Protein backbone atom coordinates (compact mmCIF):
# COMPACT_ATOMS: atom_id res chain seq x y z
CA MET A 1 37.45 23.35 -27.03
CA ALA A 2 35.08 21.45 -27.90
CA GLU A 3 31.40 21.19 -26.39
CA THR A 4 30.81 18.55 -24.15
CA LYS A 5 27.73 16.62 -25.87
CA LYS A 6 24.53 16.96 -23.34
CA LYS A 7 23.52 13.22 -22.12
CA GLU A 8 20.03 12.27 -23.09
CA LEU A 9 17.38 12.53 -20.69
CA ILE A 10 15.39 9.96 -20.01
CA ILE A 11 12.13 10.09 -17.87
CA ALA A 12 10.04 7.29 -16.29
CA CYS A 13 7.92 6.30 -13.83
CA ASP A 14 5.62 3.47 -12.59
CA SER A 15 2.20 2.90 -13.48
CA THR A 16 0.37 3.83 -10.37
CA ALA A 17 0.71 7.40 -11.98
CA ASP A 18 -2.09 6.15 -14.35
CA PHE A 19 -1.33 8.09 -17.77
CA GLU A 20 -3.01 7.34 -20.70
CA VAL A 21 -1.13 5.77 -23.87
CA GLU A 22 -1.66 8.47 -26.02
CA ASP A 23 -0.11 10.90 -22.96
CA VAL A 24 2.65 8.74 -22.60
CA LYS A 25 3.74 8.70 -25.86
CA ASN A 26 3.68 12.61 -25.89
CA LEU A 27 5.49 13.16 -23.37
CA GLY A 28 8.00 10.81 -23.96
CA LEU A 29 7.88 8.38 -21.13
CA GLU A 30 8.82 4.80 -19.81
CA ILE A 31 6.40 3.70 -17.81
CA ILE A 32 7.30 0.76 -15.00
CA PRO A 33 4.52 -1.44 -14.44
CA LEU A 34 3.05 -3.08 -11.26
CA THR A 35 1.09 -6.07 -10.99
CA ILE A 36 -2.44 -7.01 -9.69
CA ASN A 37 -2.54 -10.61 -8.38
CA PHE A 38 -5.58 -12.32 -7.70
CA GLU A 39 -6.45 -16.29 -6.08
CA ASP A 40 -6.60 -17.38 -9.94
CA GLU A 41 -4.47 -15.09 -12.33
CA SER A 42 -2.10 -12.21 -12.48
CA PHE A 43 -2.56 -9.07 -14.83
CA ILE A 44 0.31 -6.67 -15.34
CA ASP A 45 -1.25 -2.83 -14.50
CA GLY A 46 -2.47 -1.05 -17.34
CA GLU A 47 -2.69 -4.17 -19.87
CA ILE A 48 -5.96 -4.93 -18.10
CA ASP A 49 -8.94 -3.21 -19.18
CA LYS A 50 -10.36 -0.91 -16.51
CA ASN A 51 -13.49 -1.95 -16.58
CA VAL A 52 -13.11 -5.86 -16.75
CA PHE A 53 -10.62 -5.24 -13.54
CA PHE A 54 -13.43 -3.79 -11.76
CA GLU A 55 -15.68 -6.47 -12.82
CA LYS A 56 -13.21 -9.08 -11.32
CA LEU A 57 -13.03 -7.28 -8.00
CA ALA A 58 -16.61 -7.08 -7.79
CA ALA A 59 -16.71 -10.62 -7.64
CA SER A 60 -13.85 -12.15 -5.75
CA LYS A 61 -14.02 -13.26 -2.36
CA LYS A 62 -10.69 -12.00 -1.60
CA LEU A 63 -8.89 -8.69 -2.19
CA PRO A 64 -6.35 -9.30 -5.03
CA HIS A 65 -2.95 -7.97 -3.62
CA THR A 66 -0.44 -5.95 -5.50
CA SER A 67 3.22 -6.49 -6.37
CA GLN A 68 5.70 -4.34 -7.05
CA PRO A 69 8.37 -4.10 -10.33
CA THR A 70 11.03 -7.02 -9.75
CA PRO A 71 14.49 -6.17 -9.55
CA GLU A 72 15.63 -7.64 -13.05
CA THR A 73 12.74 -5.16 -14.34
CA PHE A 74 14.62 -1.96 -13.14
CA GLU A 75 18.28 -3.86 -14.12
CA LYS A 76 17.31 -3.91 -17.63
CA LEU A 77 16.39 0.17 -17.20
CA PHE A 78 19.52 0.67 -15.85
CA GLU A 79 21.95 -1.07 -17.91
CA ARG A 80 20.34 -0.11 -20.97
CA VAL A 81 20.81 3.83 -19.56
CA LYS A 82 23.85 3.41 -18.66
CA GLU A 83 25.37 1.27 -21.98
CA ASN A 84 23.80 3.92 -24.03
CA ASN A 85 25.51 6.96 -21.62
CA GLN A 86 21.99 8.65 -21.10
CA SER A 87 20.27 10.09 -17.98
CA LEU A 88 17.64 8.85 -16.04
CA LEU A 89 14.88 10.78 -14.03
CA LEU A 90 12.83 8.14 -12.28
CA ILE A 91 9.72 9.08 -10.43
CA LEU A 92 7.91 6.37 -8.20
CA ILE A 93 5.33 5.88 -5.92
CA GLY A 94 5.98 6.90 -2.41
CA SER A 95 7.54 4.25 -0.21
CA GLY A 96 4.64 4.50 2.25
CA PHE A 97 2.56 3.11 -0.16
CA SER A 98 4.66 0.67 -1.68
CA GLY A 99 8.63 -1.29 -1.80
CA THR A 100 9.25 -0.18 -5.60
CA TYR A 101 11.53 3.08 -4.44
CA GLN A 102 13.51 1.01 -2.20
CA CYS A 103 14.10 -2.11 -4.60
CA ALA A 104 15.03 0.77 -7.62
CA THR A 105 17.83 2.51 -5.17
CA MET A 106 19.09 -0.84 -4.35
CA VAL A 107 19.14 -2.10 -8.15
CA LYS A 108 21.04 1.51 -8.71
CA GLU A 109 23.58 0.91 -6.23
CA SER A 110 24.51 -2.50 -7.36
CA VAL A 111 24.97 -1.06 -10.91
CA GLY A 112 27.28 1.59 -9.89
CA TYR A 113 25.74 4.51 -12.82
CA ASP A 114 25.95 7.89 -11.31
CA ASP A 115 23.49 9.32 -13.52
CA ILE A 116 20.36 7.30 -12.56
CA TYR A 117 17.99 10.08 -10.03
CA ILE A 118 15.77 8.14 -8.13
CA ILE A 119 12.67 9.97 -6.72
CA ASP A 120 10.92 9.10 -3.91
CA SER A 121 7.55 10.74 -4.59
CA GLY A 122 5.31 10.48 -1.28
CA LEU A 123 2.85 10.18 -3.83
CA THR A 124 0.40 8.19 -6.18
CA ILE A 125 -1.87 8.67 -8.66
CA GLY A 126 -2.98 11.79 -10.30
CA SER A 127 -0.69 13.55 -7.95
CA LEU A 128 2.32 11.37 -9.45
CA GLN A 129 0.86 12.25 -12.72
CA ILE A 130 1.12 15.95 -11.91
CA LEU A 131 4.72 15.37 -10.40
CA VAL A 132 5.67 13.79 -13.86
CA ARG A 133 4.19 16.44 -16.15
CA GLU A 134 6.29 18.65 -14.70
CA ALA A 135 9.42 17.10 -14.78
CA VAL A 136 8.93 16.86 -18.27
CA ALA A 137 8.16 20.58 -18.61
CA LYS A 138 11.43 21.77 -16.92
CA LYS A 139 13.75 18.94 -18.26
CA ASP A 140 15.02 21.49 -20.85
CA THR A 141 15.79 24.11 -17.90
CA MET A 142 17.96 22.30 -15.64
CA PRO A 143 20.21 19.52 -15.48
CA VAL A 144 18.76 16.37 -14.04
CA ASN A 145 20.36 16.82 -10.50
CA GLU A 146 19.23 20.36 -10.11
CA LEU A 147 15.89 19.14 -12.14
CA ALA A 148 15.98 16.18 -9.22
CA ASP A 149 16.42 18.78 -6.07
CA TYR A 150 13.44 20.78 -7.86
CA LEU A 151 10.59 18.19 -7.80
CA ASN A 152 11.69 17.13 -4.28
CA GLU A 153 10.51 20.70 -3.12
CA PHE A 154 7.94 21.25 -5.92
CA LYS A 155 5.94 17.85 -4.60
CA LYS A 156 5.58 19.21 -0.84
CA ARG A 157 3.13 21.74 -2.78
CA ILE A 158 0.52 18.97 -4.51
CA ARG A 159 -2.68 18.21 -2.68
CA MET A 160 -5.03 15.21 -3.36
CA TYR A 161 -8.27 15.01 -1.60
CA ALA A 162 -10.27 12.10 -2.24
CA ILE A 163 -13.63 10.55 -0.95
CA ILE A 164 -14.16 6.59 -0.47
CA ASP A 165 -17.77 5.79 -1.80
CA THR A 166 -17.53 2.42 0.00
CA LEU A 167 -16.30 0.67 2.68
CA GLU A 168 -16.61 -2.91 1.35
CA TYR A 169 -12.61 -3.16 0.00
CA LEU A 170 -11.34 -1.66 3.05
CA LYS A 171 -13.84 -4.82 5.10
CA LYS A 172 -12.19 -7.21 2.32
CA GLY A 173 -8.39 -6.07 2.58
CA GLY A 174 -8.62 -6.61 6.30
CA ARG A 175 -8.82 -2.92 7.41
CA LEU A 176 -12.03 -2.52 8.82
CA SER A 177 -14.01 -4.71 10.61
CA SER A 178 -17.42 -6.01 8.68
CA LEU A 179 -19.38 -4.54 11.81
CA SER A 180 -18.22 -1.23 11.24
CA ALA A 181 -18.52 -1.52 7.86
CA ASN A 182 -21.97 -2.58 7.91
CA ILE A 183 -22.67 0.27 10.06
CA GLY A 184 -21.13 2.52 7.91
CA LYS A 185 -23.01 1.29 5.02
CA LEU A 186 -26.20 1.77 7.49
CA LEU A 187 -25.43 5.52 7.57
CA ASN A 188 -23.75 5.91 4.43
CA LEU A 189 -20.59 7.07 5.79
CA LYS A 190 -17.82 8.56 3.35
CA LEU A 191 -14.21 8.32 4.30
CA VAL A 192 -12.37 11.88 3.05
CA CYS A 193 -8.60 10.93 2.29
CA GLU A 194 -5.29 12.88 1.56
CA ILE A 195 -1.64 11.95 0.96
CA GLU A 196 0.53 12.65 3.47
CA GLY A 197 3.36 9.91 2.84
CA SER A 198 0.66 7.53 2.65
CA ILE A 199 -3.26 8.23 2.81
CA LYS A 200 -4.79 9.15 5.73
CA VAL A 201 -8.56 9.49 6.55
CA ILE A 202 -8.89 13.38 7.75
CA GLY A 203 -12.59 13.15 7.49
CA LYS A 204 -15.58 11.12 7.75
CA THR A 205 -19.28 12.31 6.92
CA PHE A 206 -23.00 11.18 6.56
CA GLY A 207 -23.59 11.28 2.61
CA ILE A 208 -21.74 12.14 0.05
CA ARG A 209 -22.82 16.08 0.02
CA LYS A 210 -21.34 16.75 3.24
CA ALA A 211 -17.90 14.91 2.02
CA PHE A 212 -17.78 17.42 -1.40
CA GLN A 213 -18.43 20.74 1.10
CA PHE A 214 -15.73 18.94 3.26
CA ILE A 215 -13.21 19.09 0.12
CA ALA A 216 -14.44 22.67 -0.78
CA ASP A 217 -13.55 23.93 2.52
CA LYS A 218 -10.21 22.42 2.64
CA ILE A 219 -9.11 23.73 -0.95
CA LYS A 220 -10.23 27.37 0.36
CA LYS A 221 -7.58 27.30 2.94
CA GLU A 222 -4.88 26.09 0.47
CA PRO A 223 -6.35 27.07 -2.91
CA ILE A 224 -5.44 26.00 -6.26
CA ASP A 225 -2.13 27.54 -8.43
CA PHE A 226 -3.85 27.09 -12.12
CA ASN A 227 -0.51 27.57 -13.60
CA TYR A 228 0.11 23.78 -13.32
CA TYR A 229 -2.07 21.07 -14.04
CA TYR A 230 -4.53 20.02 -11.62
CA CYS A 231 -6.84 16.77 -12.01
CA TYR A 232 -10.06 14.61 -11.19
CA GLY A 233 -10.39 11.46 -10.70
CA TYR A 234 -12.34 8.33 -10.42
CA ALA A 235 -12.60 4.64 -10.30
CA HIS A 236 -14.96 3.02 -12.59
CA LYS A 237 -17.81 5.40 -12.45
CA LYS A 238 -17.06 9.00 -13.08
CA ASP A 239 -21.00 9.99 -11.01
CA ASN A 240 -19.59 11.48 -8.27
CA MET A 241 -16.53 12.84 -10.02
CA GLU A 242 -18.84 14.75 -12.08
CA ALA A 243 -20.50 16.05 -8.87
CA LEU A 244 -17.39 16.73 -6.82
CA ILE A 245 -16.82 18.88 -10.29
CA LYS A 246 -20.12 20.87 -10.16
CA ASN A 247 -19.74 21.18 -6.19
CA LEU A 248 -16.70 22.93 -6.57
CA ASP A 249 -17.46 24.89 -9.76
CA ILE A 250 -14.34 25.97 -10.65
CA LYS A 251 -14.33 28.91 -13.48
CA GLN A 252 -14.66 28.13 -17.27
CA GLU A 253 -10.87 29.54 -17.57
CA ASP A 254 -9.15 27.46 -15.28
CA TRP A 255 -9.90 24.38 -17.14
CA HIS A 256 -7.28 24.89 -19.65
CA LYS A 257 -4.63 22.54 -17.44
CA CYS A 258 -7.80 20.10 -16.28
CA ILE A 259 -7.06 16.34 -16.43
CA ILE A 260 -9.44 13.75 -15.99
CA GLU A 261 -7.77 10.49 -15.14
CA SER A 262 -9.71 7.23 -14.72
CA VAL A 263 -7.79 5.08 -11.76
CA GLY A 264 -6.31 1.68 -12.53
CA ALA A 265 -6.25 -1.48 -11.57
CA VAL A 266 -3.37 -0.71 -8.57
CA THR A 267 -5.54 1.79 -6.66
CA GLY A 268 -8.57 0.26 -7.46
CA THR A 269 -8.13 -2.41 -5.68
CA HIS A 270 -7.89 -0.56 -2.37
CA THR A 271 -11.01 1.88 -3.09
CA GLY A 272 -13.10 -0.27 -4.99
CA PRO A 273 -15.32 1.56 -7.56
CA ASN A 274 -16.60 5.08 -7.24
CA ALA A 275 -14.18 7.17 -5.47
CA CYS A 276 -13.22 10.09 -6.73
CA ALA A 277 -10.46 12.74 -5.78
CA ILE A 278 -9.13 16.34 -7.01
CA PHE A 279 -5.17 16.17 -7.19
CA TYR A 280 -3.78 19.97 -7.65
CA VAL A 281 -0.58 22.27 -6.68
CA ALA A 282 -1.55 24.27 -4.03
CA GLN A 283 -0.26 28.20 -4.20
CA GLU A 284 2.67 28.99 -2.50
CA GLN A 285 2.33 30.56 0.48
CA LYS A 286 3.85 34.46 0.89
């Protein structure tokens, strides 16, 4: 009896993972872009130069808003996969951040093709990138349905700790009053955030050095598993990220799977410049 030919697996994710162009090519990924909308013009995420974006962001009185991919974008991808008799693993920004996952799921139902697996990562930026890299690493070791199940468990081990350097963009976005933002500026207040389905503030420190220590203490409680990729991220300027790296003082031999990520326009809209973060896979609890 002739063996059934295995379907080609396409792995795709949205642009908030902030992969570099060369990495997209090397990993064989497809990227579904979101859109950033200023008052006077719109940009496809990944196509606007990051420095130009942050310059426009600083000059804009109103915070731009971001848009999820259109249903037509997903429909074209799904129909092409169906026509080519391929399998698709689509790993998307968490539904707590964007309607991207809900939109893709709705379109899948209308296309009516079973070999499309859509994952609500619950993640974004570097943490989403780690999940996608793990999918690529494991894609030849198990069927796509088992891979999807594996990733839905694996994502629970991914951590993100970020420092918001300025409160100005939270004020612009209506998440913070002008009075609170001004007081925070006077006190040099820094916010430490994590991902738990959405971005949550878990600490407020006076000065960035205390924010670094806050993150170091969190990592001691849930150490990094260096068998997997981990990632440092920065928005526009590297200074705070480089200081975070020095403060965490990870051994040189554990740098072999380290990624440095420049945060893109979608995330930068909400963090503003000078934010920094670490994303990693936590060691399994014994």
